[in-house]
N, C-alpha and C. Protein backbone atom coordinates (compact mmCIF):
# COMPACT_ATOMS: atom_id res chain seq x y z
N MET A 1 -88.88 -50.44 71.20
CA MET A 1 -88.19 -49.89 70.07
C MET A 1 -86.72 -49.77 70.37
N SER A 2 -85.97 -50.04 69.36
CA SER A 2 -84.53 -49.91 69.53
C SER A 2 -84.11 -48.48 69.32
N THR A 3 -82.89 -48.19 69.68
CA THR A 3 -82.38 -46.83 69.56
C THR A 3 -82.34 -46.41 68.10
N GLY A 4 -81.99 -47.36 67.23
CA GLY A 4 -81.95 -47.05 65.81
C GLY A 4 -83.31 -46.71 65.27
N ASP A 5 -84.36 -47.41 65.83
CA ASP A 5 -85.71 -47.12 65.36
C ASP A 5 -86.15 -45.73 65.78
N SER A 6 -85.72 -45.30 66.97
CA SER A 6 -86.13 -43.97 67.42
C SER A 6 -85.43 -42.89 66.62
N GLN A 7 -84.31 -43.20 66.05
CA GLN A 7 -83.56 -42.24 65.25
C GLN A 7 -84.10 -42.17 63.82
N THR A 8 -84.79 -43.20 63.38
CA THR A 8 -85.24 -43.26 61.99
C THR A 8 -86.16 -42.09 61.65
N PRO A 9 -87.16 -41.78 62.47
CA PRO A 9 -87.97 -40.63 62.11
C PRO A 9 -87.15 -39.34 62.05
N ALA A 10 -86.20 -39.18 62.94
CA ALA A 10 -85.36 -37.98 62.91
C ALA A 10 -84.50 -37.98 61.66
N SER A 11 -83.97 -39.14 61.30
CA SER A 11 -83.15 -39.25 60.10
C SER A 11 -83.99 -38.98 58.86
N MET A 12 -85.21 -39.50 58.87
CA MET A 12 -86.11 -39.26 57.75
C MET A 12 -86.45 -37.78 57.64
N GLN A 13 -86.66 -37.18 58.81
CA GLN A 13 -86.96 -35.74 58.81
C GLN A 13 -85.75 -34.96 58.28
N GLN A 14 -84.55 -35.37 58.72
CA GLN A 14 -83.34 -34.70 58.25
C GLN A 14 -83.19 -34.89 56.74
N LEU A 15 -83.44 -36.10 56.26
CA LEU A 15 -83.37 -36.39 54.83
C LEU A 15 -84.40 -35.55 54.07
N SER A 16 -85.59 -35.46 54.63
CA SER A 16 -86.64 -34.65 54.01
C SER A 16 -86.24 -33.18 53.98
N ASP A 17 -85.68 -32.71 55.11
CA ASP A 17 -85.23 -31.31 55.17
C ASP A 17 -84.11 -31.06 54.16
N ASP A 18 -83.16 -32.02 54.10
CA ASP A 18 -82.05 -31.88 53.16
C ASP A 18 -82.54 -31.90 51.71
N THR A 19 -83.49 -32.79 51.44
CA THR A 19 -84.07 -32.88 50.09
C THR A 19 -84.78 -31.57 49.74
N LYS A 20 -85.52 -31.05 50.72
CA LYS A 20 -86.21 -29.78 50.51
C LYS A 20 -85.21 -28.66 50.27
N ALA A 21 -84.12 -28.65 51.04
CA ALA A 21 -83.09 -27.62 50.87
C ALA A 21 -82.45 -27.74 49.49
N ILE A 22 -82.19 -28.99 49.06
CA ILE A 22 -81.61 -29.19 47.72
C ILE A 22 -82.60 -28.74 46.66
N SER A 23 -83.86 -29.08 46.85
CA SER A 23 -84.90 -28.66 45.91
C SER A 23 -84.99 -27.13 45.85
N ASP A 24 -84.92 -26.49 47.02
CA ASP A 24 -84.94 -25.02 47.07
C ASP A 24 -83.72 -24.44 46.35
N ASP A 25 -82.54 -25.08 46.59
CA ASP A 25 -81.32 -24.62 45.93
C ASP A 25 -81.42 -24.77 44.41
N VAL A 26 -81.98 -25.90 43.97
CA VAL A 26 -82.16 -26.12 42.53
C VAL A 26 -83.12 -25.08 41.96
N GLN A 27 -84.20 -24.81 42.70
CA GLN A 27 -85.15 -23.79 42.26
C GLN A 27 -84.48 -22.43 42.18
N GLN A 28 -83.66 -22.11 43.19
CA GLN A 28 -82.95 -20.83 43.19
C GLN A 28 -81.97 -20.77 42.02
N LEU A 29 -81.29 -21.89 41.76
CA LEU A 29 -80.38 -21.94 40.60
C LEU A 29 -81.16 -21.73 39.30
N ASN A 30 -82.32 -22.37 39.22
CA ASN A 30 -83.17 -22.17 38.03
C ASN A 30 -83.59 -20.71 37.91
N ASN A 31 -83.98 -20.12 39.05
CA ASN A 31 -84.36 -18.70 39.04
C ASN A 31 -83.18 -17.83 38.64
N ASP A 32 -82.01 -18.13 39.24
CA ASP A 32 -80.80 -17.36 38.91
C ASP A 32 -80.46 -17.52 37.44
N SER A 33 -80.59 -18.76 36.95
CA SER A 33 -80.31 -19.02 35.54
C SER A 33 -81.27 -18.24 34.66
N GLN A 34 -82.55 -18.24 35.04
CA GLN A 34 -83.55 -17.49 34.27
C GLN A 34 -83.27 -16.00 34.34
N ASN A 35 -82.91 -15.52 35.55
CA ASN A 35 -82.58 -14.10 35.69
C ASN A 35 -81.36 -13.75 34.85
N HIS A 36 -80.38 -14.66 34.83
CA HIS A 36 -79.19 -14.43 34.01
C HIS A 36 -79.58 -14.41 32.53
N ALA A 37 -80.45 -15.35 32.14
CA ALA A 37 -80.92 -15.38 30.75
C ALA A 37 -81.69 -14.10 30.43
N ASN A 38 -82.54 -13.66 31.38
CA ASN A 38 -83.27 -12.41 31.18
C ASN A 38 -82.30 -11.24 31.07
N LEU A 39 -81.30 -11.25 31.94
CA LEU A 39 -80.30 -10.17 31.91
C LEU A 39 -79.58 -10.17 30.57
N GLN A 40 -79.22 -11.36 30.09
CA GLN A 40 -78.55 -11.46 28.80
C GLN A 40 -79.49 -11.00 27.68
N THR A 41 -80.76 -11.39 27.79
CA THR A 41 -81.75 -10.95 26.80
C THR A 41 -81.88 -9.43 26.83
N TRP A 42 -81.92 -8.87 28.03
CA TRP A 42 -82.01 -7.42 28.14
C TRP A 42 -80.78 -6.76 27.54
N ARG A 43 -79.61 -7.35 27.80
CA ARG A 43 -78.38 -6.78 27.22
C ARG A 43 -78.42 -6.86 25.70
N ASP A 44 -78.87 -8.02 25.19
CA ASP A 44 -79.00 -8.17 23.74
C ASP A 44 -80.00 -7.16 23.18
N ASP A 45 -81.13 -7.02 23.88
CA ASP A 45 -82.15 -6.04 23.45
C ASP A 45 -81.60 -4.62 23.50
N ALA A 46 -80.84 -4.33 24.55
CA ALA A 46 -80.25 -2.99 24.66
C ALA A 46 -79.27 -2.74 23.53
N ALA A 47 -78.49 -3.75 23.17
CA ALA A 47 -77.54 -3.61 22.05
C ALA A 47 -78.30 -3.38 20.74
N LYS A 48 -79.39 -4.13 20.54
CA LYS A 48 -80.21 -3.93 19.33
C LYS A 48 -80.84 -2.54 19.33
N LEU A 49 -81.31 -2.13 20.49
CA LEU A 49 -81.92 -0.81 20.61
C LEU A 49 -80.90 0.28 20.32
N ALA A 50 -79.68 0.10 20.81
CA ALA A 50 -78.62 1.08 20.54
C ALA A 50 -78.31 1.13 19.05
N SER A 51 -78.28 -0.03 18.41
CA SER A 51 -78.05 -0.08 16.96
C SER A 51 -79.18 0.60 16.21
N ASP A 52 -80.42 0.32 16.63
CA ASP A 52 -81.58 0.97 16.01
C ASP A 52 -81.53 2.48 16.21
N ALA A 53 -81.11 2.90 17.39
CA ALA A 53 -81.02 4.33 17.68
C ALA A 53 -80.00 5.00 16.77
N LYS A 54 -78.89 4.32 16.50
CA LYS A 54 -77.87 4.89 15.59
C LYS A 54 -78.43 5.02 14.18
N ARG A 55 -79.13 3.97 13.72
CA ARG A 55 -79.73 4.04 12.37
C ARG A 55 -80.79 5.12 12.31
N LEU A 56 -81.57 5.23 13.38
CA LEU A 56 -82.61 6.26 13.45
C LEU A 56 -81.99 7.65 13.39
N LYS A 57 -80.88 7.82 14.08
CA LYS A 57 -80.18 9.12 14.09
C LYS A 57 -79.72 9.47 12.67
N VAL A 58 -79.21 8.47 11.94
CA VAL A 58 -78.79 8.71 10.56
C VAL A 58 -80.00 9.12 9.72
N ASP A 59 -81.13 8.44 9.93
CA ASP A 59 -82.35 8.78 9.19
C ASP A 59 -82.81 10.20 9.52
N VAL A 60 -82.81 10.53 10.80
CA VAL A 60 -83.23 11.87 11.23
C VAL A 60 -82.31 12.92 10.61
N ASP A 61 -81.01 12.65 10.68
CA ASP A 61 -80.04 13.61 10.16
C ASP A 61 -80.13 13.77 8.65
N SER A 62 -80.58 12.74 7.94
CA SER A 62 -80.64 12.83 6.48
C SER A 62 -81.90 13.55 5.99
N LEU A 63 -82.94 13.60 6.82
CA LEU A 63 -84.19 14.21 6.36
C LEU A 63 -84.09 15.73 6.21
N GLY A 64 -83.35 16.37 7.09
CA GLY A 64 -83.19 17.82 6.99
C GLY A 64 -82.57 18.24 5.67
N PRO A 65 -81.40 17.65 5.31
CA PRO A 65 -80.81 17.98 4.01
C PRO A 65 -81.70 17.60 2.83
N ALA A 66 -82.44 16.50 2.96
CA ALA A 66 -83.35 16.12 1.87
C ALA A 66 -84.43 17.18 1.69
N ALA A 67 -84.98 17.66 2.80
CA ALA A 67 -86.00 18.72 2.72
C ALA A 67 -85.38 20.00 2.17
N ASP A 68 -84.15 20.30 2.57
CA ASP A 68 -83.46 21.48 2.04
C ASP A 68 -83.27 21.36 0.53
N ARG A 69 -82.94 20.15 0.07
CA ARG A 69 -82.75 19.93 -1.37
C ARG A 69 -84.07 20.12 -2.12
N VAL A 70 -85.16 19.63 -1.54
CA VAL A 70 -86.47 19.84 -2.18
C VAL A 70 -86.79 21.33 -2.24
N ASP A 71 -86.47 22.05 -1.17
CA ASP A 71 -86.69 23.51 -1.17
C ASP A 71 -85.86 24.17 -2.27
N GLU A 72 -84.63 23.68 -2.45
CA GLU A 72 -83.75 24.22 -3.49
C GLU A 72 -84.33 23.93 -4.88
N VAL A 73 -84.82 22.72 -5.08
CA VAL A 73 -85.45 22.36 -6.36
C VAL A 73 -86.67 23.25 -6.60
N ALA A 74 -87.46 23.47 -5.54
CA ALA A 74 -88.64 24.33 -5.66
C ALA A 74 -88.24 25.75 -6.04
N ALA A 75 -87.18 26.26 -5.43
CA ALA A 75 -86.72 27.62 -5.75
C ALA A 75 -86.23 27.69 -7.20
N ASN A 76 -85.48 26.68 -7.63
CA ASN A 76 -85.01 26.65 -9.02
C ASN A 76 -86.18 26.55 -9.99
N PHE A 77 -87.16 25.73 -9.63
CA PHE A 77 -88.35 25.59 -10.47
C PHE A 77 -89.08 26.92 -10.57
N LYS A 78 -89.22 27.61 -9.43
CA LYS A 78 -89.89 28.92 -9.42
C LYS A 78 -89.12 29.91 -10.29
N ASN A 79 -87.79 29.91 -10.19
CA ASN A 79 -86.98 30.81 -11.02
C ASN A 79 -87.19 30.50 -12.50
N TRP A 80 -87.21 29.20 -12.84
CA TRP A 80 -87.44 28.82 -14.22
C TRP A 80 -88.81 29.31 -14.68
N TRP A 81 -89.83 29.10 -13.85
CA TRP A 81 -91.17 29.52 -14.21
C TRP A 81 -91.26 31.03 -14.33
N ASP A 82 -90.64 31.76 -13.42
CA ASP A 82 -90.66 33.22 -13.51
C ASP A 82 -90.00 33.69 -14.80
N GLY A 83 -88.90 33.02 -15.18
CA GLY A 83 -88.24 33.36 -16.45
C GLY A 83 -89.12 33.06 -17.64
N LEU A 84 -89.80 31.94 -17.59
CA LEU A 84 -90.71 31.57 -18.68
C LEU A 84 -91.87 32.56 -18.78
N LYS A 85 -92.42 32.95 -17.62
CA LYS A 85 -93.52 33.93 -17.64
C LYS A 85 -93.04 35.27 -18.19
N SER A 86 -91.82 35.64 -17.85
CA SER A 86 -91.26 36.90 -18.36
C SER A 86 -91.11 36.83 -19.88
N ALA A 87 -90.61 35.69 -20.36
CA ALA A 87 -90.48 35.52 -21.81
C ALA A 87 -91.85 35.53 -22.47
N ALA A 88 -92.82 34.91 -21.82
CA ALA A 88 -94.18 34.89 -22.37
C ALA A 88 -94.76 36.30 -22.42
N ALA A 89 -94.48 37.09 -21.40
CA ALA A 89 -94.98 38.48 -21.41
C ALA A 89 -94.38 39.24 -22.58
N GLY A 90 -93.09 39.01 -22.84
CA GLY A 90 -92.46 39.65 -24.00
C GLY A 90 -93.08 39.16 -25.30
N HIS A 91 -93.36 37.89 -25.36
CA HIS A 91 -94.00 37.29 -26.52
C HIS A 91 -95.37 37.92 -26.76
N GLU A 92 -96.15 38.06 -25.67
CA GLU A 92 -97.47 38.66 -25.80
C GLU A 92 -97.38 40.13 -26.19
N ALA A 93 -96.39 40.82 -25.66
CA ALA A 93 -96.21 42.24 -26.02
C ALA A 93 -95.88 42.37 -27.51
N THR A 94 -95.02 41.48 -27.99
CA THR A 94 -94.68 41.51 -29.42
C THR A 94 -95.91 41.21 -30.26
N LEU A 95 -96.70 40.24 -29.84
CA LEU A 95 -97.91 39.88 -30.57
C LEU A 95 -98.89 41.05 -30.61
N SER A 96 -99.01 41.76 -29.50
CA SER A 96 -99.96 42.87 -29.47
C SER A 96 -99.54 44.00 -30.40
N GLN A 97 -98.27 44.04 -30.77
CA GLN A 97 -97.80 45.08 -31.68
C GLN A 97 -98.12 44.75 -33.14
N CYS A 98 -98.47 43.49 -33.38
CA CYS A 98 -98.84 43.11 -34.74
C CYS A 98 -100.26 43.61 -34.99
N THR A 99 -100.39 44.59 -35.83
CA THR A 99 -101.68 45.24 -36.00
C THR A 99 -102.50 44.66 -37.14
N THR A 100 -101.89 43.92 -37.99
CA THR A 100 -102.66 43.38 -39.12
C THR A 100 -102.84 41.88 -38.97
N ASP A 101 -103.86 41.36 -39.57
CA ASP A 101 -104.08 39.92 -39.54
C ASP A 101 -102.93 39.17 -40.19
N VAL A 102 -102.39 39.75 -41.24
CA VAL A 102 -101.27 39.11 -41.93
C VAL A 102 -100.07 39.05 -40.98
N GLY A 103 -99.82 40.16 -40.28
CA GLY A 103 -98.71 40.19 -39.33
C GLY A 103 -98.91 39.19 -38.21
N LYS A 104 -100.13 39.12 -37.71
CA LYS A 104 -100.42 38.17 -36.63
C LYS A 104 -100.28 36.73 -37.13
N SER A 105 -100.77 36.47 -38.33
CA SER A 105 -100.65 35.13 -38.89
C SER A 105 -99.18 34.76 -39.07
N PHE A 106 -98.39 35.70 -39.57
CA PHE A 106 -96.97 35.45 -39.75
C PHE A 106 -96.31 35.16 -38.39
N PHE A 107 -96.63 36.00 -37.41
CA PHE A 107 -96.03 35.83 -36.07
C PHE A 107 -96.44 34.48 -35.47
N ASP A 108 -97.73 34.15 -35.58
CA ASP A 108 -98.20 32.86 -35.07
C ASP A 108 -97.48 31.71 -35.75
N GLY A 109 -97.33 31.81 -37.05
CA GLY A 109 -96.66 30.76 -37.81
C GLY A 109 -95.20 30.62 -37.41
N GLN A 110 -94.56 31.72 -37.17
CA GLN A 110 -93.14 31.71 -36.82
C GLN A 110 -92.92 31.25 -35.37
N HIS A 111 -93.81 31.60 -34.49
CA HIS A 111 -93.56 31.39 -33.06
C HIS A 111 -94.54 30.45 -32.38
N GLY A 112 -95.45 29.87 -33.12
CA GLY A 112 -96.39 28.91 -32.53
C GLY A 112 -97.31 29.54 -31.50
N ASN A 113 -97.76 30.74 -31.77
CA ASN A 113 -98.55 31.48 -30.79
C ASN A 113 -99.88 30.81 -30.48
N ASP A 114 -100.52 30.20 -31.48
CA ASP A 114 -101.82 29.56 -31.23
C ASP A 114 -101.68 28.48 -30.17
N GLY A 115 -100.67 27.65 -30.30
CA GLY A 115 -100.45 26.60 -29.31
C GLY A 115 -100.14 27.17 -27.95
N TYR A 116 -99.40 28.25 -27.95
CA TYR A 116 -99.06 28.89 -26.67
C TYR A 116 -100.32 29.39 -25.98
N ASN A 117 -101.16 30.09 -26.72
CA ASN A 117 -102.39 30.61 -26.11
C ASN A 117 -103.30 29.48 -25.64
N ALA A 118 -103.38 28.42 -26.43
CA ALA A 118 -104.26 27.32 -26.08
C ALA A 118 -103.78 26.60 -24.82
N ASN A 119 -102.48 26.56 -24.61
CA ASN A 119 -101.93 25.79 -23.50
C ASN A 119 -101.47 26.64 -22.32
N LYS A 120 -101.61 27.94 -22.43
CA LYS A 120 -101.10 28.82 -21.38
C LYS A 120 -101.71 28.50 -20.01
N GLN A 121 -103.03 28.40 -19.94
CA GLN A 121 -103.66 28.13 -18.65
C GLN A 121 -103.31 26.74 -18.15
N GLY A 122 -103.28 25.78 -19.04
CA GLY A 122 -102.90 24.42 -18.64
C GLY A 122 -101.49 24.37 -18.08
N LEU A 123 -100.59 25.12 -18.70
CA LEU A 123 -99.21 25.18 -18.21
C LEU A 123 -99.15 25.84 -16.84
N GLU A 124 -99.90 26.92 -16.68
CA GLU A 124 -99.92 27.60 -15.39
C GLU A 124 -100.48 26.68 -14.30
N ASP A 125 -101.52 25.93 -14.64
CA ASP A 125 -102.09 24.97 -13.67
C ASP A 125 -101.08 23.89 -13.32
N PHE A 126 -100.39 23.38 -14.34
CA PHE A 126 -99.39 22.35 -14.10
C PHE A 126 -98.26 22.86 -13.21
N VAL A 127 -97.78 24.05 -13.51
CA VAL A 127 -96.70 24.64 -12.70
C VAL A 127 -97.17 24.83 -11.26
N ALA A 128 -98.39 25.28 -11.07
CA ALA A 128 -98.92 25.45 -9.71
C ALA A 128 -98.98 24.10 -8.99
N GLN A 129 -99.35 23.05 -9.71
CA GLN A 129 -99.39 21.72 -9.10
C GLN A 129 -97.99 21.24 -8.71
N VAL A 130 -97.03 21.48 -9.59
CA VAL A 130 -95.65 21.08 -9.28
C VAL A 130 -95.14 21.84 -8.07
N GLN A 131 -95.40 23.14 -8.04
CA GLN A 131 -94.96 23.95 -6.90
C GLN A 131 -95.62 23.47 -5.60
N GLN A 132 -96.90 23.14 -5.65
CA GLN A 132 -97.59 22.63 -4.47
C GLN A 132 -97.02 21.28 -4.05
N PHE A 133 -96.75 20.43 -5.04
CA PHE A 133 -96.16 19.12 -4.73
C PHE A 133 -94.82 19.29 -4.03
N LEU A 134 -93.97 20.17 -4.54
CA LEU A 134 -92.66 20.38 -3.92
C LEU A 134 -92.80 20.94 -2.51
N THR A 135 -93.74 21.84 -2.32
CA THR A 135 -93.99 22.39 -0.98
C THR A 135 -94.47 21.29 -0.04
N ASP A 136 -95.41 20.48 -0.51
CA ASP A 136 -95.93 19.37 0.30
C ASP A 136 -94.83 18.36 0.63
N CYS A 137 -93.99 18.09 -0.36
CA CYS A 137 -92.90 17.13 -0.17
C CYS A 137 -91.94 17.64 0.91
N SER A 138 -91.56 18.89 0.82
CA SER A 138 -90.67 19.48 1.81
C SER A 138 -91.30 19.45 3.20
N SER A 139 -92.58 19.81 3.27
CA SER A 139 -93.29 19.79 4.56
C SER A 139 -93.35 18.38 5.13
N SER A 140 -93.63 17.41 4.27
CA SER A 140 -93.70 16.02 4.72
C SER A 140 -92.36 15.54 5.25
N LEU A 141 -91.29 15.90 4.56
CA LEU A 141 -89.96 15.51 5.03
C LEU A 141 -89.65 16.14 6.39
N ARG A 142 -90.02 17.38 6.55
CA ARG A 142 -89.75 18.05 7.83
C ARG A 142 -90.62 17.46 8.95
N GLU A 143 -91.87 17.12 8.64
CA GLU A 143 -92.73 16.47 9.64
C GLU A 143 -92.18 15.08 10.00
N ALA A 144 -91.73 14.35 8.98
CA ALA A 144 -91.14 13.03 9.25
C ALA A 144 -89.90 13.17 10.12
N GLN A 145 -89.12 14.22 9.86
CA GLN A 145 -87.93 14.45 10.68
C GLN A 145 -88.32 14.71 12.13
N LYS A 146 -89.37 15.51 12.34
CA LYS A 146 -89.83 15.78 13.71
C LYS A 146 -90.30 14.49 14.38
N GLY A 147 -91.07 13.69 13.65
CA GLY A 147 -91.57 12.43 14.20
C GLY A 147 -90.45 11.47 14.54
N LEU A 148 -89.47 11.36 13.63
CA LEU A 148 -88.33 10.49 13.91
C LEU A 148 -87.51 11.01 15.07
N GLN A 149 -87.39 12.33 15.19
CA GLN A 149 -86.65 12.90 16.31
C GLN A 149 -87.33 12.54 17.63
N GLN A 150 -88.66 12.62 17.66
CA GLN A 150 -89.39 12.24 18.87
C GLN A 150 -89.20 10.76 19.17
N THR A 151 -89.24 9.92 18.13
CA THR A 151 -89.00 8.50 18.32
C THR A 151 -87.59 8.26 18.83
N GLU A 152 -86.63 8.97 18.26
CA GLU A 152 -85.24 8.83 18.71
C GLU A 152 -85.11 9.21 20.18
N ASP A 153 -85.79 10.26 20.58
CA ASP A 153 -85.74 10.68 21.99
C ASP A 153 -86.29 9.59 22.90
N VAL A 154 -87.40 8.96 22.50
CA VAL A 154 -87.99 7.89 23.30
C VAL A 154 -87.06 6.68 23.35
N VAL A 155 -86.49 6.32 22.20
CA VAL A 155 -85.58 5.18 22.14
C VAL A 155 -84.36 5.44 23.02
N THR A 156 -83.82 6.64 22.95
CA THR A 156 -82.66 6.99 23.78
C THR A 156 -83.01 6.92 25.25
N GLN A 157 -84.18 7.41 25.61
CA GLN A 157 -84.62 7.36 27.01
C GLN A 157 -84.78 5.90 27.46
N ASP A 158 -85.40 5.07 26.62
CA ASP A 158 -85.56 3.65 26.95
C ASP A 158 -84.20 2.98 27.10
N LEU A 159 -83.29 3.30 26.19
CA LEU A 159 -81.95 2.71 26.24
C LEU A 159 -81.23 3.12 27.52
N ASN A 160 -81.35 4.37 27.89
CA ASN A 160 -80.73 4.84 29.13
C ASN A 160 -81.33 4.14 30.34
N THR A 161 -82.65 3.94 30.32
CA THR A 161 -83.32 3.23 31.42
C THR A 161 -82.83 1.79 31.51
N ILE A 162 -82.78 1.11 30.37
CA ILE A 162 -82.31 -0.28 30.35
C ILE A 162 -80.88 -0.37 30.84
N ASN A 163 -80.02 0.51 30.34
CA ASN A 163 -78.61 0.49 30.76
C ASN A 163 -78.49 0.78 32.25
N GLY A 164 -79.32 1.69 32.75
CA GLY A 164 -79.32 1.97 34.19
C GLY A 164 -79.71 0.75 35.00
N GLU A 165 -80.73 0.02 34.53
CA GLU A 165 -81.17 -1.20 35.21
C GLU A 165 -80.09 -2.27 35.15
N LEU A 166 -79.44 -2.40 33.99
CA LEU A 166 -78.41 -3.43 33.83
C LEU A 166 -77.19 -3.13 34.69
N ASN A 167 -76.88 -1.87 34.85
CA ASN A 167 -75.69 -1.48 35.61
C ASN A 167 -75.96 -1.38 37.10
N ALA A 168 -77.23 -1.45 37.51
CA ALA A 168 -77.57 -1.31 38.93
C ALA A 168 -77.18 -2.54 39.72
């Protein structure tokens, strides 16, 4: 064997080692590229999460005043109903003072008392339903606010974790 022939296996081994090193470097570059892409994806996700957290905060902050407004409507409705009941009590007191059938007939004709008596219970039932609806609505808004606040807390915690990982 010539000297060149004895070097060929060593040269082939060196070429193989160099090819393997290049392949490893390419793989590492691919991994680095993927990690960079993942990092960019995480940054994009963190930015979206931050945007979602801001919108969520606006939603959470708006539910309290909305529930307060429903409570205000309920209070106004109750005041209206209390006023109506007071007027009805006066109406009934006036009616009870009518001692003759003619007087009662005249009063009924003038003030629509028959319709009032016929619908009194229905009106009371309706008012009770409206009051319950307003109470339920206010409660639902406050529960939604609590749920959104808990979600906001989790989103904020996740965002802080992601930002901590990205900045590490």
